[in-house]
């Protein structure tokens, strides 16, 4: 059975903007939560957003970061995060220079 999100996250109402991604269980620091974007120049902003990437909200004090590995972007926690906390990244829709290379 296809499940669009990892079992430990859910989409819920966000106090930041519309809907967001929230943890259903506590997750440790530096845990890779899943694939968020795939580089493909045929799409808007040259990215395909996965369900995980489509509901991420911006924060000036994020609890996650995006890691780039070739054409894939992965969501990784920056610290221990407890259940029911919204996952956030510091991003600008039109500027992907904030993304860090995985294993760099």
PDB file of N, CA and C in Angstrom:
ATOM      1  N   UNK A   1       0.835  -1.179   0.000  1.00  0.00           N
ATOM      2  CA  UNK A   1       0.000   0.000   0.000  1.00  0.00           C
ATOM      3  C   UNK A   1       0.886   1.250   0.000  1.00  0.00           C
ATOM      4  N   UNK A   2       0.616   2.176  -0.925  1.00  0.00           N
ATOM      5  CA  UNK A   2       1.381   3.415  -1.023  1.00  0.00           C
ATOM      6  C   UNK A   2       1.030   4.351   0.120  1.00  0.00           C
ATOM      7  N   UNK A   3       2.062   4.908   0.757  1.00  0.00           N
ATOM      8  CA  UNK A   3       1.877   5.925   1.790  1.00  0.00           C
ATOM      9  C   UNK A   3       2.749   7.106   1.401  1.00  0.00           C
ATOM     10  N   UNK A   4       2.148   8.272   1.168  1.00  0.00           N
ATOM     11  CA  UNK A   4       2.906   9.415   0.664  1.00  0.00           C
ATOM     12  C   UNK A   4       3.874  10.026   1.660  1.00  0.00           C
ATOM     13  N   UNK A   5       3.683   9.775   2.948  1.00  0.00           N
ATOM     14  CA  UNK A   5       4.564  10.331   3.986  1.00  0.00           C
ATOM     15  C   UNK A   5       5.171   9.224   4.830  1.00  0.00           C
ATOM     16  N   UNK A   6       6.374   9.473   5.380  1.00  0.00           N
ATOM     17  CA  UNK A   6       6.933   8.505   6.324  1.00  0.00           C
ATOM     18  C   UNK A   6       5.977   8.330   7.512  1.00  0.00           C
ATOM     19  N   UNK A   7       5.996   7.175   8.146  1.00  0.00           N
ATOM     20  CA  UNK A   7       5.054   6.843   9.220  1.00  0.00           C
ATOM     21  C   UNK A   7       5.157   7.770  10.432  1.00  0.00           C
ATOM     22  N   UNK A   8       6.256   8.476  10.595  1.00  0.00           N
ATOM     23  CA  UNK A   8       6.486   9.300  11.784  1.00  0.00           C
ATOM     24  C   UNK A   8       6.168  10.777  11.565  1.00  0.00           C
ATOM     25  N   UNK A   9       5.519  11.110  10.444  1.00  0.00           N
ATOM     26  CA  UNK A   9       5.076  12.491  10.216  1.00  0.00           C
ATOM     27  C   UNK A   9       3.634  12.511   9.727  1.00  0.00           C
ATOM     28  N   UNK A  10       2.986  13.669   9.916  1.00  0.00           N
ATOM     29  CA  UNK A  10       1.629  13.873   9.432  1.00  0.00           C
ATOM     30  C   UNK A  10       1.463  15.323   9.000  1.00  0.00           C
ATOM     31  N   UNK A  11       0.476  15.590   8.192  1.00  0.00           N
ATOM     32  CA  UNK A  11       0.136  16.950   7.789  1.00  0.00           C
ATOM     33  C   UNK A  11      -0.974  17.436   8.715  1.00  0.00           C
ATOM     34  N   UNK A  12      -0.797  18.648   9.240  1.00  0.00           N
ATOM     35  CA  UNK A  12      -1.791  19.207  10.148  1.00  0.00           C
ATOM     36  C   UNK A  12      -1.804  20.729  10.020  1.00  0.00           C
ATOM     37  N   UNK A  13      -2.798  21.376  10.629  1.00  0.00           N
ATOM     38  CA  UNK A  13      -2.910  22.839  10.604  1.00  0.00           C
ATOM     39  C   UNK A  13      -1.683  23.460  11.267  1.00  0.00           C
ATOM     40  N   UNK A  14      -1.124  24.459  10.597  1.00  0.00           N
ATOM     41  CA  UNK A  14       0.086  25.122  11.076  1.00  0.00           C
ATOM     42  C   UNK A  14      -0.217  26.523  11.580  1.00  0.00           C
ATOM     43  N   UNK A  15       0.430  26.919  12.654  1.00  0.00           N
ATOM     44  CA  UNK A  15       0.332  28.298  13.122  1.00  0.00           C
ATOM     45  C   UNK A  15       1.215  29.217  12.276  1.00  0.00           C
ATOM     46  N   UNK A  16       2.113  28.645  11.483  1.00  0.00           N
ATOM     47  CA  UNK A  16       3.000  29.429  10.630  1.00  0.00           C
ATOM     48  C   UNK A  16       2.275  29.829   9.352  1.00  0.00           C
ATOM     49  N   UNK A  17       1.721  28.816   8.640  1.00  0.00           N
ATOM     50  CA  UNK A  17       1.041  29.084   7.376  1.00  0.00           C
ATOM     51  C   UNK A  17       0.278  27.843   6.925  1.00  0.00           C
ATOM     52  N   UNK A  18      -1.016  27.939   6.838  1.00  0.00           N
ATOM     53  CA  UNK A  18      -1.826  26.865   6.270  1.00  0.00           C
ATOM     54  C   UNK A  18      -1.629  25.522   6.942  1.00  0.00           C
ATOM     55  N   UNK A  19      -1.030  24.603   6.198  1.00  0.00           N
ATOM     56  CA  UNK A  19      -0.737  23.266   6.705  1.00  0.00           C
ATOM     57  C   UNK A  19       0.768  23.095   6.847  1.00  0.00           C
ATOM     58  N   UNK A  20       1.175  22.191   7.720  1.00  0.00           N
ATOM     59  CA  UNK A  20       2.592  21.916   7.917  1.00  0.00           C
ATOM     60  C   UNK A  20       2.820  20.447   8.203  1.00  0.00           C
ATOM     61  N   UNK A  21       4.093  20.083   8.303  1.00  0.00           N
ATOM     62  CA  UNK A  21       4.499  18.709   8.625  1.00  0.00           C
ATOM     63  C   UNK A  21       4.809  18.632  10.118  1.00  0.00           C
ATOM     64  N   UNK A  22       4.198  17.680  10.799  1.00  0.00           N
ATOM     65  CA  UNK A  22       4.376  17.505  12.239  1.00  0.00           C
ATOM     66  C   UNK A  22       4.819  16.083  12.546  1.00  0.00           C
ATOM     67  N   UNK A  23       5.601  15.930  13.599  1.00  0.00           N
ATOM     68  CA  UNK A  23       6.043  14.596  14.026  1.00  0.00           C
ATOM     69  C   UNK A  23       4.947  13.880  14.794  1.00  0.00           C
ATOM     70  N   UNK A  24       4.825  12.587  14.573  1.00  0.00           N
ATOM     71  CA  UNK A  24       3.894  11.755  15.336  1.00  0.00           C
ATOM     72  C   UNK A  24       4.625  11.001  16.444  1.00  0.00           C
ATOM     73  N   UNK A  25       5.947  11.132  16.479  1.00  0.00           N
ATOM     74  CA  UNK A  25       6.785  10.526  17.508  1.00  0.00           C
ATOM     75  C   UNK A  25       8.037  11.384  17.651  1.00  0.00           C
ATOM     76  N   UNK A  26       8.777  11.233  18.712  1.00  0.00           N
ATOM     77  CA  UNK A  26      10.026  11.985  18.886  1.00  0.00           C
ATOM     78  C   UNK A  26      11.100  11.421  17.963  1.00  0.00           C
ATOM     79  N   UNK A  27      11.947  12.311  17.435  1.00  0.00           N
ATOM     80  CA  UNK A  27      13.003  11.937  16.487  1.00  0.00           C
ATOM     81  C   UNK A  27      14.320  12.556  16.974  1.00  0.00           C
ATOM     82  N   UNK A  28      15.419  11.816  16.907  1.00  0.00           N
ATOM     83  CA  UNK A  28      16.706  12.351  17.371  1.00  0.00           C
ATOM     84  C   UNK A  28      17.339  13.341  16.384  1.00  0.00           C
ATOM     85  N   UNK A  29      18.319  14.057  16.874  1.00  0.00           N
ATOM     86  CA  UNK A  29      19.086  14.993  16.055  1.00  0.00           C
ATOM     87  C   UNK A  29      19.768  14.270  14.904  1.00  0.00           C
ATOM     88  N   UNK A  30      19.889  14.949  13.786  1.00  0.00           N
ATOM     89  CA  UNK A  30      20.602  14.500  12.582  1.00  0.00           C
ATOM     90  C   UNK A  30      19.957  13.285  11.915  1.00  0.00           C
ATOM     91  N   UNK A  31      18.684  13.074  12.166  1.00  0.00           N
ATOM     92  CA  UNK A  31      17.938  11.985  11.557  1.00  0.00           C
ATOM     93  C   UNK A  31      17.432  12.440  10.187  1.00  0.00           C
ATOM     94  N   UNK A  32      17.641  11.640   9.164  1.00  0.00           N
ATOM     95  CA  UNK A  32      17.134  11.972   7.833  1.00  0.00           C
ATOM     96  C   UNK A  32      15.697  11.452   7.734  1.00  0.00           C
ATOM     97  N   UNK A  33      14.771  12.409   7.609  1.00  0.00           N
ATOM     98  CA  UNK A  33      13.347  12.101   7.643  1.00  0.00           C
ATOM     99  C   UNK A  33      12.799  11.610   6.306  1.00  0.00           C
ATOM    100  N   UNK A  34      13.425  12.007   5.209  1.00  0.00           N
ATOM    101  CA  UNK A  34      12.954  11.550   3.909  1.00  0.00           C
ATOM    102  C   UNK A  34      13.263  12.524   2.797  1.00  0.00           C
ATOM    103  N   UNK A  35      12.875  12.134   1.606  1.00  0.00           N
ATOM    104  CA  UNK A  35      13.102  12.897   0.379  1.00  0.00           C
ATOM    105  C   UNK A  35      12.067  14.016   0.263  1.00  0.00           C
ATOM    106  N   UNK A  36      12.536  15.246  -0.019  1.00  0.00           N
ATOM    107  CA  UNK A  36      11.627  16.385  -0.117  1.00  0.00           C
ATOM    108  C   UNK A  36      11.495  16.950  -1.523  1.00  0.00           C
ATOM    109  N   UNK A  37      12.586  16.928  -2.310  1.00  0.00           N
ATOM    110  CA  UNK A  37      12.581  17.531  -3.638  1.00  0.00           C
ATOM    111  C   UNK A  37      13.490  16.729  -4.573  1.00  0.00           C
ATOM    112  N   UNK A  38      13.163  16.790  -5.858  1.00  0.00           N
ATOM    113  CA  UNK A  38      13.994  16.199  -6.904  1.00  0.00           C
ATOM    114  C   UNK A  38      14.221  17.285  -7.950  1.00  0.00           C
ATOM    115  N   UNK A  39      15.479  17.499  -8.315  1.00  0.00           N
ATOM    116  CA  UNK A  39      15.805  18.515  -9.315  1.00  0.00           C
ATOM    117  C   UNK A  39      15.352  18.031 -10.691  1.00  0.00           C
ATOM    118  N   UNK A  40      14.554  18.860 -11.367  1.00  0.00           N
ATOM    119  CA  UNK A  40      14.090  18.557 -12.713  1.00  0.00           C
ATOM    120  C   UNK A  40      13.686  19.877 -13.357  1.00  0.00           C
ATOM    121  N   UNK A  41      14.435  20.314 -14.364  1.00  0.00           N
ATOM    122  CA  UNK A  41      14.224  21.636 -14.944  1.00  0.00           C
ATOM    123  C   UNK A  41      12.927  21.770 -15.735  1.00  0.00           C
ATOM    124  N   UNK A  42      12.152  20.735 -15.858  1.00  0.00           N
ATOM    125  CA  UNK A  42      10.860  20.819 -16.544  1.00  0.00           C
ATOM    126  C   UNK A  42       9.753  21.330 -15.626  1.00  0.00           C
ATOM    127  N   UNK A  43      10.055  21.542 -14.330  1.00  0.00           N
ATOM    128  CA  UNK A  43       9.043  21.931 -13.360  1.00  0.00           C
ATOM    129  C   UNK A  43       9.330  23.315 -12.786  1.00  0.00           C
ATOM    130  N   UNK A  44       8.302  23.919 -12.183  1.00  0.00           N
ATOM    131  CA  UNK A  44       8.429  25.227 -11.545  1.00  0.00           C
ATOM    132  C   UNK A  44       9.588  25.210 -10.546  1.00  0.00           C
ATOM    133  N   UNK A  45      10.395  26.232 -10.551  1.00  0.00           N
ATOM    134  CA  UNK A  45      11.568  26.351  -9.686  1.00  0.00           C
ATOM    135  C   UNK A  45      12.570  25.217  -9.908  1.00  0.00           C
ATOM    136  N   UNK A  46      12.428  24.487 -11.014  1.00  0.00           N
ATOM    137  CA  UNK A  46      13.313  23.363 -11.350  1.00  0.00           C
ATOM    138  C   UNK A  46      13.283  22.245 -10.324  1.00  0.00           C
ATOM    139  N   UNK A  47      12.176  22.110  -9.614  1.00  0.00           N
ATOM    140  CA  UNK A  47      12.064  21.094  -8.566  1.00  0.00           C
ATOM    141  C   UNK A  47      10.726  20.372  -8.623  1.00  0.00           C
ATOM    142  N   UNK A  48      10.759  19.080  -8.350  1.00  0.00           N
ATOM    143  CA  UNK A  48       9.557  18.306  -8.064  1.00  0.00           C
ATOM    144  C   UNK A  48       9.483  18.188  -6.551  1.00  0.00           C
ATOM    145  N   UNK A  49       8.369  18.576  -5.968  1.00  0.00           N
ATOM    146  CA  UNK A  49       8.201  18.474  -4.518  1.00  0.00           C
ATOM    147  C   UNK A  49       7.495  17.166  -4.177  1.00  0.00           C
ATOM    148  N   UNK A  50       8.029  16.449  -3.218  1.00  0.00           N
ATOM    149  CA  UNK A  50       7.350  15.257  -2.720  1.00  0.00           C
ATOM    150  C   UNK A  50       6.298  15.716  -1.705  1.00  0.00           C
ATOM    151  N   UNK A  51       5.413  14.838  -1.232  1.00  0.00           N
ATOM    152  CA  UNK A  51       4.468  15.255  -0.193  1.00  0.00           C
ATOM    153  C   UNK A  51       5.178  15.833   1.035  1.00  0.00           C
ATOM    154  N   UNK A  52       6.317  15.272   1.399  1.00  0.00           N
ATOM    155  CA  UNK A  52       7.069  15.788   2.546  1.00  0.00           C
ATOM    156  C   UNK A  52       7.563  17.207   2.272  1.00  0.00           C
ATOM    157  N   UNK A  53       8.077  17.470   1.088  1.00  0.00           N
ATOM    158  CA  UNK A  53       8.583  18.792   0.740  1.00  0.00           C
ATOM    159  C   UNK A  53       7.498  19.815   0.471  1.00  0.00           C
ATOM    160  N   UNK A  54       6.338  19.356   0.068  1.00  0.00           N
ATOM    161  CA  UNK A  54       5.259  20.264  -0.287  1.00  0.00           C
ATOM    162  C   UNK A  54       4.599  20.963   0.880  1.00  0.00           C
ATOM    163  N   UNK A  55       4.771  20.455   2.090  1.00  0.00           N
ATOM    164  CA  UNK A  55       4.106  21.038   3.249  1.00  0.00           C
ATOM    165  C   UNK A  55       5.078  21.628   4.273  1.00  0.00           C
ATOM    166  N   UNK A  56       6.351  21.703   3.922  1.00  0.00           N
ATOM    167  CA  UNK A  56       7.333  22.305   4.841  1.00  0.00           C
ATOM    168  C   UNK A  56       7.132  23.807   4.917  1.00  0.00           C
ATOM    169  N   UNK A  57       7.209  24.356   6.103  1.00  0.00           N
ATOM    170  CA  UNK A  57       7.091  25.798   6.287  1.00  0.00           C
ATOM    171  C   UNK A  57       8.423  26.402   6.706  1.00  0.00           C
ATOM    172  N   UNK A  58       8.555  27.695   6.424  1.00  0.00           N
ATOM    173  CA  UNK A  58       9.764  28.467   6.717  1.00  0.00           C
ATOM    174  C   UNK A  58       9.795  28.900   8.178  1.00  0.00           C
ATOM    175  N   UNK A  59      11.015  28.949   8.728  1.00  0.00           N
ATOM    176  CA  UNK A  59      11.244  29.529  10.041  1.00  0.00           C
ATOM    177  C   UNK A  59      12.630  30.160  10.047  1.00  0.00           C
ATOM    178  N   UNK A  60      12.757  31.292  10.720  1.00  0.00           N
ATOM    179  CA  UNK A  60      14.075  31.908  10.916  1.00  0.00           C
ATOM    180  C   UNK A  60      14.888  31.112  11.927  1.00  0.00           C
ATOM    181  N   UNK A  61      14.223  30.268  12.710  1.00  0.00           N
ATOM    182  CA  UNK A  61      14.879  29.399  13.690  1.00  0.00           C
ATOM    183  C   UNK A  61      14.420  27.956  13.411  1.00  0.00           C
ATOM    184  N   UNK A  62      14.891  27.365  12.298  1.00  0.00           N
ATOM    185  CA  UNK A  62      14.390  26.055  11.876  1.00  0.00           C
ATOM    186  C   UNK A  62      14.888  24.914  12.757  1.00  0.00           C
ATOM    187  N   UNK A  63      14.151  23.803  12.721  1.00  0.00           N
ATOM    188  CA  UNK A  63      14.592  22.610  13.440  1.00  0.00           C
ATOM    189  C   UNK A  63      15.084  21.525  12.469  1.00  0.00           C
ATOM    190  N   UNK A  64      15.063  21.845  11.161  1.00  0.00           N
ATOM    191  CA  UNK A  64      15.541  20.918  10.139  1.00  0.00           C
ATOM    192  C   UNK A  64      16.342  21.672   9.079  1.00  0.00           C
ATOM    193  N   UNK A  65      17.043  20.916   8.262  1.00  0.00           N
ATOM    194  CA  UNK A  65      17.791  21.465   7.137  1.00  0.00           C
ATOM    195  C   UNK A  65      17.604  20.535   5.947  1.00  0.00           C
ATOM    196  N   UNK A  66      17.745  21.093   4.744  1.00  0.00           N
ATOM    197  CA  UNK A  66      17.721  20.267   3.545  1.00  0.00           C
ATOM    198  C   UNK A  66      19.143  19.950   3.125  1.00  0.00           C
ATOM    199  N   UNK A  67      19.390  18.682   2.841  1.00  0.00           N
ATOM    200  CA  UNK A  67      20.693  18.229   2.369  1.00  0.00           C
ATOM    201  C   UNK A  67      20.563  17.846   0.908  1.00  0.00           C
ATOM    202  N   UNK A  68      21.527  18.263   0.108  1.00  0.00           N
ATOM    203  CA  UNK A  68      21.478  17.913  -1.307  1.00  0.00           C
ATOM    204  C   UNK A  68      22.469  16.798  -1.601  1.00  0.00           C
ATOM    205  N   UNK A  69      21.979  15.785  -2.314  1.00  0.00           N
ATOM    206  CA  UNK A  69      22.811  14.682  -2.788  1.00  0.00           C
ATOM    207  C   UNK A  69      22.474  14.496  -4.267  1.00  0.00           C
ATOM    208  N   UNK A  70      23.328  15.056  -5.120  1.00  0.00           N
ATOM    209  CA  UNK A  70      23.085  15.080  -6.565  1.00  0.00           C
ATOM    210  C   UNK A  70      21.752  15.758  -6.840  1.00  0.00           C
ATOM    211  N   UNK A  71      20.778  15.074  -7.457  1.00  0.00           N
ATOM    212  CA  UNK A  71      19.517  15.730  -7.765  1.00  0.00           C
ATOM    213  C   UNK A  71      18.447  15.531  -6.691  1.00  0.00           C
ATOM    214  N   UNK A  72      18.824  15.027  -5.538  1.00  0.00           N
ATOM    215  CA  UNK A  72      17.861  14.767  -4.469  1.00  0.00           C
ATOM    216  C   UNK A  72      18.101  15.673  -3.270  1.00  0.00           C
ATOM    217  N   UNK A  73      17.002  16.115  -2.637  1.00  0.00           N
ATOM    218  CA  UNK A  73      17.057  16.892  -1.407  1.00  0.00           C
ATOM    219  C   UNK A  73      16.397  16.089  -0.292  1.00  0.00           C
ATOM    220  N   UNK A  74      17.075  15.993   0.831  1.00  0.00           N
ATOM    221  CA  UNK A  74      16.621  15.204   1.976  1.00  0.00           C
ATOM    222  C   UNK A  74      16.413  16.118   3.173  1.00  0.00           C
ATOM    223  N   UNK A  75      15.407  15.829   3.985  1.00  0.00           N
ATOM    224  CA  UNK A  75      15.123  16.603   5.194  1.00  0.00           C
ATOM    225  C   UNK A  75      15.805  15.936   6.381  1.00  0.00           C
ATOM    226  N   UNK A  76      16.614  16.721   7.101  1.00  0.00           N
ATOM    227  CA  UNK A  76      17.340  16.201   8.261  1.00  0.00           C
ATOM    228  C   UNK A  76      17.076  17.082   9.478  1.00  0.00           C
ATOM    229  N   UNK A  77      16.862  16.457  10.629  1.00  0.00           N
ATOM    230  CA  UNK A  77      16.666  17.217  11.857  1.00  0.00           C
ATOM    231  C   UNK A  77      17.984  17.844  12.298  1.00  0.00           C
ATOM    232  N   UNK A  78      17.898  19.016  12.921  1.00  0.00           N
ATOM    233  CA  UNK A  78      19.087  19.693  13.445  1.00  0.00           C
ATOM    234  C   UNK A  78      19.299  19.407  14.926  1.00  0.00           C
ATOM    235  N   UNK A  79      18.243  18.977  15.605  1.00  0.00           N
ATOM    236  CA  UNK A  79      18.299  18.677  17.037  1.00  0.00           C
ATOM    237  C   UNK A  79      17.242  17.629  17.339  1.00  0.00           C
ATOM    238  N   UNK A  80      17.213  17.157  18.574  1.00  0.00           N
ATOM    239  CA  UNK A  80      16.137  16.257  18.986  1.00  0.00           C
ATOM    240  C   UNK A  80      14.821  17.025  18.867  1.00  0.00           C
ATOM    241  N   UNK A  81      13.796  16.394  18.300  1.00  0.00           N
ATOM    242  CA  UNK A  81      12.496  17.040  18.142  1.00  0.00           C
ATOM    243  C   UNK A  81      11.443  16.110  18.722  1.00  0.00           C
ATOM    244  N   UNK A  82      10.559  16.677  19.533  1.00  0.00           N
ATOM    245  CA  UNK A  82       9.540  15.869  20.190  1.00  0.00           C
ATOM    246  C   UNK A  82       8.257  15.791  19.360  1.00  0.00           C
ATOM    247  N   UNK A  83       7.452  14.819  19.716  1.00  0.00           N
ATOM    248  CA  UNK A  83       6.169  14.576  19.058  1.00  0.00           C
ATOM    249  C   UNK A  83       5.320  15.849  19.031  1.00  0.00           C
ATOM    250  N   UNK A  84       4.561  16.019  17.958  1.00  0.00           N
ATOM    251  CA  UNK A  84       3.614  17.121  17.753  1.00  0.00           C
ATOM    252  C   UNK A  84       4.271  18.461  17.432  1.00  0.00           C
ATOM    253  N   UNK A  85       5.585  18.483  17.214  1.00  0.00           N
ATOM    254  CA  UNK A  85       6.289  19.713  16.836  1.00  0.00           C
ATOM    255  C   UNK A  85       6.294  19.816  15.314  1.00  0.00           C
ATOM    256  N   UNK A  86       6.060  21.032  14.798  1.00  0.00           N
ATOM    257  CA  UNK A  86       6.107  21.244  13.352  1.00  0.00           C
ATOM    258  C   UNK A  86       7.554  21.272  12.868  1.00  0.00           C
ATOM    259  N   UNK A  87       7.801  20.606  11.755  1.00  0.00           N
ATOM    260  CA  UNK A  87       9.126  20.604  11.135  1.00  0.00           C
ATOM    261  C   UNK A  87       9.248  21.834  10.244  1.00  0.00           C
ATOM    262  N   UNK A  88      10.365  22.549  10.371  1.00  0.00           N
ATOM    263  CA  UNK A  88      10.567  23.777   9.603  1.00  0.00           C
ATOM    264  C   UNK A  88      11.982  23.831   9.045  1.00  0.00           C
ATOM    265  N   UNK A  89      12.123  24.584   7.960  1.00  0.00           N
ATOM    266  CA  UNK A  89      13.442  24.868   7.379  1.00  0.00           C
ATOM    267  C   UNK A  89      13.508  26.365   7.096  1.00  0.00           C
ATOM    268  N   UNK A  90      14.709  26.886   6.981  1.00  0.00           N
ATOM    269  CA  UNK A  90      14.911  28.278   6.600  1.00  0.00           C
ATOM    270  C   UNK A  90      15.082  28.284   5.096  1.00  0.00           C
ATOM    271  N   UNK A  91      14.087  28.766   4.387  1.00  0.00           N
ATOM    272  CA  UNK A  91      14.162  28.739   2.931  1.00  0.00           C
ATOM    273  C   UNK A  91      13.564  29.994   2.325  1.00  0.00           C
ATOM    274  N   UNK A  92      13.922  30.189   1.079  1.00  0.00           N
ATOM    275  CA  UNK A  92      13.321  31.214   0.233  1.00  0.00           C
ATOM    276  C   UNK A  92      12.962  30.504  -1.058  1.00  0.00           C
ATOM    277  N   UNK A  93      11.698  30.500  -1.416  1.00  0.00           N
ATOM    278  CA  UNK A  93      11.202  29.764  -2.582  1.00  0.00           C
ATOM    279  C   UNK A  93      12.035  30.008  -3.833  1.00  0.00           C
ATOM    280  N   UNK A  94      12.569  31.211  -3.984  1.00  0.00           N
ATOM    281  CA  UNK A  94      13.281  31.552  -5.207  1.00  0.00           C
ATOM    282  C   UNK A  94      14.796  31.493  -5.064  1.00  0.00           C
ATOM    283  N   UNK A  95      15.278  31.011  -3.937  1.00  0.00           N
ATOM    284  CA  UNK A  95      16.722  30.949  -3.706  1.00  0.00           C
ATOM    285  C   UNK A  95      17.045  29.653  -2.975  1.00  0.00           C
ATOM    286  N   UNK A  96      17.631  28.700  -3.668  1.00  0.00           N
ATOM    287  CA  UNK A  96      17.939  27.413  -3.043  1.00  0.00           C
ATOM    288  C   UNK A  96      19.403  27.321  -2.615  1.00  0.00           C
ATOM    289  N   UNK A  97      20.076  28.452  -2.465  1.00  0.00           N
ATOM    290  CA  UNK A  97      21.485  28.428  -2.090  1.00  0.00           C
ATOM    291  C   UNK A  97      21.690  28.013  -0.630  1.00  0.00           C
ATOM    292  N   UNK A  98      20.632  28.005   0.176  1.00  0.00           N
ATOM    293  CA  UNK A  98      20.747  27.608   1.570  1.00  0.00           C
ATOM    294  C   UNK A  98      20.986  26.116   1.722  1.00  0.00           C
ATOM    295  N   UNK A  99      20.711  25.355   0.698  1.00  0.00           N
ATOM    296  CA  UNK A  99      20.809  23.901   0.791  1.00  0.00           C
ATOM    297  C   UNK A  99      22.257  23.461   0.912  1.00  0.00           C
ATOM    298  N   UNK A 100      22.527  22.542   1.786  1.00  0.00           N
ATOM    299  CA  UNK A 100      23.881  22.059   2.013  1.00  0.00           C
ATOM    300  C   UNK A 100      24.089  20.731   1.309  1.00  0.00           C
ATOM    301  N   UNK A 101      25.297  20.528   0.818  1.00  0.00           N
ATOM    302  CA  UNK A 101      25.611  19.255   0.178  1.00  0.00           C
ATOM    303  C   UNK A 101      25.747  18.179   1.251  1.00  0.00           C
ATOM    304  N   UNK A 102      25.091  17.054   1.048  1.00  0.00           N
ATOM    305  CA  UNK A 102      25.187  15.919   1.958  1.00  0.00           C
ATOM    306  C   UNK A 102      26.620  15.388   1.911  1.00  0.00           C
ATOM    307  N   UNK A 103      27.144  15.018   3.049  1.00  0.00           N
ATOM    308  CA  UNK A 103      28.504  14.482   3.198  1.00  0.00           C
ATOM    309  C   UNK A 103      29.570  15.533   2.879  1.00  0.00           C
ATOM    310  N   UNK A 104      29.226  16.804   2.940  1.00  0.00           N
ATOM    311  CA  UNK A 104      30.213  17.867   2.671  1.00  0.00           C
ATOM    312  C   UNK A 104      30.810  18.357   3.961  1.00  0.00           C
TER     313      UNK A 104
END
